[in-house]
């Protein structure tokens, strides 16, 4: 079973890496419109907040199943953000 602490670290690292990649893309391509990469950063922050809120829910009966669902949601959201970042 994934612990709450490790799951929070995973969310933090994954979303942090996506945000870093968006800013690196913005610095590497200064002539492109920065609004596109800023939109990805905003979405990553929003997803981060949502995932942390889900992890901290206390009204969960089966914590193991809940944490697995949050982990799957993290993978899905991260994959979507990475695809958007790669499309820039």
C-alpha atoms as a PDB file:
ATOM      1  CA  UNK A   1       0.000   0.000   0.000  1.00  0.00           C
ATOM      2  CA  UNK A   2       1.282   3.427  -0.886  1.00  0.00           C
ATOM      3  CA  UNK A   3       1.511   5.683   2.101  1.00  0.00           C
ATOM      4  CA  UNK A   4      -0.007   9.132   2.120  1.00  0.00           C
ATOM      5  CA  UNK A   5       3.434  10.692   2.517  1.00  0.00           C
ATOM      6  CA  UNK A   6       4.938   8.876  -0.469  1.00  0.00           C
ATOM      7  CA  UNK A   7       1.928   9.618  -2.637  1.00  0.00           C
ATOM      8  CA  UNK A   8       2.200  13.325  -1.817  1.00  0.00           C
ATOM      9  CA  UNK A   9       5.900  13.227  -2.725  1.00  0.00           C
ATOM     10  CA  UNK A  10       5.082  11.563  -6.046  1.00  0.00           C
ATOM     11  CA  UNK A  11       2.502  14.239  -6.861  1.00  0.00           C
ATOM     12  CA  UNK A  12       4.941  16.980  -5.905  1.00  0.00           C
ATOM     13  CA  UNK A  13       7.816  15.580  -7.975  1.00  0.00           C
ATOM     14  CA  UNK A  14       5.758  14.783 -11.065  1.00  0.00           C
ATOM     15  CA  UNK A  15       3.922  18.099 -11.215  1.00  0.00           C
ATOM     16  CA  UNK A  16       7.118  19.983 -10.322  1.00  0.00           C
ATOM     17  CA  UNK A  17       8.972  18.319 -13.193  1.00  0.00           C
ATOM     18  CA  UNK A  18       6.187  19.193 -15.621  1.00  0.00           C
ATOM     19  CA  UNK A  19       6.236  22.828 -14.491  1.00  0.00           C
ATOM     20  CA  UNK A  20      10.042  22.921 -14.815  1.00  0.00           C
ATOM     21  CA  UNK A  21       9.827  21.474 -18.321  1.00  0.00           C
ATOM     22  CA  UNK A  22       7.271  24.110 -19.315  1.00  0.00           C
ATOM     23  CA  UNK A  23       9.520  26.925 -18.068  1.00  0.00           C
ATOM     24  CA  UNK A  24      12.561  25.388 -19.762  1.00  0.00           C
ATOM     25  CA  UNK A  25      10.619  25.254 -23.022  1.00  0.00           C
ATOM     26  CA  UNK A  26       9.637  28.878 -22.530  1.00  0.00           C
ATOM     27  CA  UNK A  27      13.286  29.912 -22.025  1.00  0.00           C
ATOM     28  CA  UNK A  28      14.550  27.758 -24.893  1.00  0.00           C
ATOM     29  CA  UNK A  29      12.019  29.228 -27.331  1.00  0.00           C
ATOM     30  CA  UNK A  30      11.742  32.926 -26.420  1.00  0.00           C
ATOM     31  CA  UNK A  31      10.060  33.887 -29.714  1.00  0.00           C
ATOM     32  CA  UNK A  32       7.078  31.585 -29.144  1.00  0.00           C
ATOM     33  CA  UNK A  33       3.975  32.742 -27.339  1.00  0.00           C
ATOM     34  CA  UNK A  34       4.547  32.153 -23.590  1.00  0.00           C
ATOM     35  CA  UNK A  35       0.798  31.904 -22.961  1.00  0.00           C
ATOM     36  CA  UNK A  36       0.776  28.280 -24.141  1.00  0.00           C
ATOM     37  CA  UNK A  37       3.387  27.143 -21.640  1.00  0.00           C
ATOM     38  CA  UNK A  38       1.795  29.294 -18.920  1.00  0.00           C
ATOM     39  CA  UNK A  39      -1.503  27.496 -19.555  1.00  0.00           C
ATOM     40  CA  UNK A  40       0.254  24.167 -18.979  1.00  0.00           C
ATOM     41  CA  UNK A  41       1.774  25.496 -15.747  1.00  0.00           C
ATOM     42  CA  UNK A  42      -1.637  26.723 -14.568  1.00  0.00           C
ATOM     43  CA  UNK A  43      -3.206  23.363 -15.365  1.00  0.00           C
ATOM     44  CA  UNK A  44      -0.406  21.512 -13.542  1.00  0.00           C
ATOM     45  CA  UNK A  45      -0.926  23.661 -10.447  1.00  0.00           C
ATOM     46  CA  UNK A  46      -4.670  23.086 -10.594  1.00  0.00           C
ATOM     47  CA  UNK A  47      -4.171  19.316 -10.963  1.00  0.00           C
ATOM     48  CA  UNK A  48      -1.684  19.362  -8.093  1.00  0.00           C
ATOM     49  CA  UNK A  49      -4.184  21.064  -5.797  1.00  0.00           C
ATOM     50  CA  UNK A  50      -6.916  18.634  -6.809  1.00  0.00           C
ATOM     51  CA  UNK A  51      -4.740  15.564  -6.222  1.00  0.00           C
ATOM     52  CA  UNK A  52      -3.530  16.767  -2.821  1.00  0.00           C
ATOM     53  CA  UNK A  53      -7.131  17.467  -1.836  1.00  0.00           C
ATOM     54  CA  UNK A  54      -8.054  13.905  -2.836  1.00  0.00           C
ATOM     55  CA  UNK A  55      -5.138  12.430  -0.884  1.00  0.00           C
ATOM     56  CA  UNK A  56      -6.148  14.335   2.247  1.00  0.00           C
ATOM     57  CA  UNK A  57      -9.769  13.166   2.190  1.00  0.00           C
ATOM     58  CA  UNK A  58     -10.686  11.604   5.509  1.00  0.00           C
ATOM     59  CA  UNK A  59     -14.056  10.080   4.646  1.00  0.00           C
ATOM     60  CA  UNK A  60     -12.536   7.134   2.769  1.00  0.00           C
ATOM     61  CA  UNK A  61     -13.466   3.585   3.753  1.00  0.00           C
ATOM     62  CA  UNK A  62     -10.769   1.663   1.899  1.00  0.00           C
ATOM     63  CA  UNK A  63      -7.571   3.731   1.947  1.00  0.00           C
ATOM     64  CA  UNK A  64      -5.591   1.288  -0.160  1.00  0.00           C
ATOM     65  CA  UNK A  65      -8.140   1.377  -2.981  1.00  0.00           C
ATOM     66  CA  UNK A  66      -8.450   5.161  -2.694  1.00  0.00           C
ATOM     67  CA  UNK A  67      -4.688   5.711  -2.902  1.00  0.00           C
ATOM     68  CA  UNK A  68      -4.435   3.422  -5.937  1.00  0.00           C
ATOM     69  CA  UNK A  69      -7.169   5.453  -7.618  1.00  0.00           C
ATOM     70  CA  UNK A  70      -5.315   8.689  -6.836  1.00  0.00           C
ATOM     71  CA  UNK A  71      -2.098   7.194  -8.222  1.00  0.00           C
ATOM     72  CA  UNK A  72      -3.885   6.204 -11.434  1.00  0.00           C
ATOM     73  CA  UNK A  73      -5.403   9.688 -11.677  1.00  0.00           C
ATOM     74  CA  UNK A  74      -1.930  11.221 -11.228  1.00  0.00           C
ATOM     75  CA  UNK A  75      -0.558   9.098 -14.071  1.00  0.00           C
ATOM     76  CA  UNK A  76      -3.460  10.030 -16.347  1.00  0.00           C
ATOM     77  CA  UNK A  77      -3.181  13.769 -15.659  1.00  0.00           C
ATOM     78  CA  UNK A  78       0.606  13.776 -15.946  1.00  0.00           C
ATOM     79  CA  UNK A  79       0.480  11.930 -19.259  1.00  0.00           C
ATOM     80  CA  UNK A  80      -2.024  14.451 -20.641  1.00  0.00           C
ATOM     81  CA  UNK A  81       0.133  17.394 -19.536  1.00  0.00           C
ATOM     82  CA  UNK A  82       3.271  15.854 -21.018  1.00  0.00           C
ATOM     83  CA  UNK A  83       1.488  15.319 -24.327  1.00  0.00           C
ATOM     84  CA  UNK A  84       0.452  18.983 -24.342  1.00  0.00           C
ATOM     85  CA  UNK A  85       4.004  20.014 -23.515  1.00  0.00           C
ATOM     86  CA  UNK A  86       5.424  17.847 -26.290  1.00  0.00           C
ATOM     87  CA  UNK A  87       2.991  19.394 -28.756  1.00  0.00           C
ATOM     88  CA  UNK A  88       4.442  22.870 -28.178  1.00  0.00           C
END
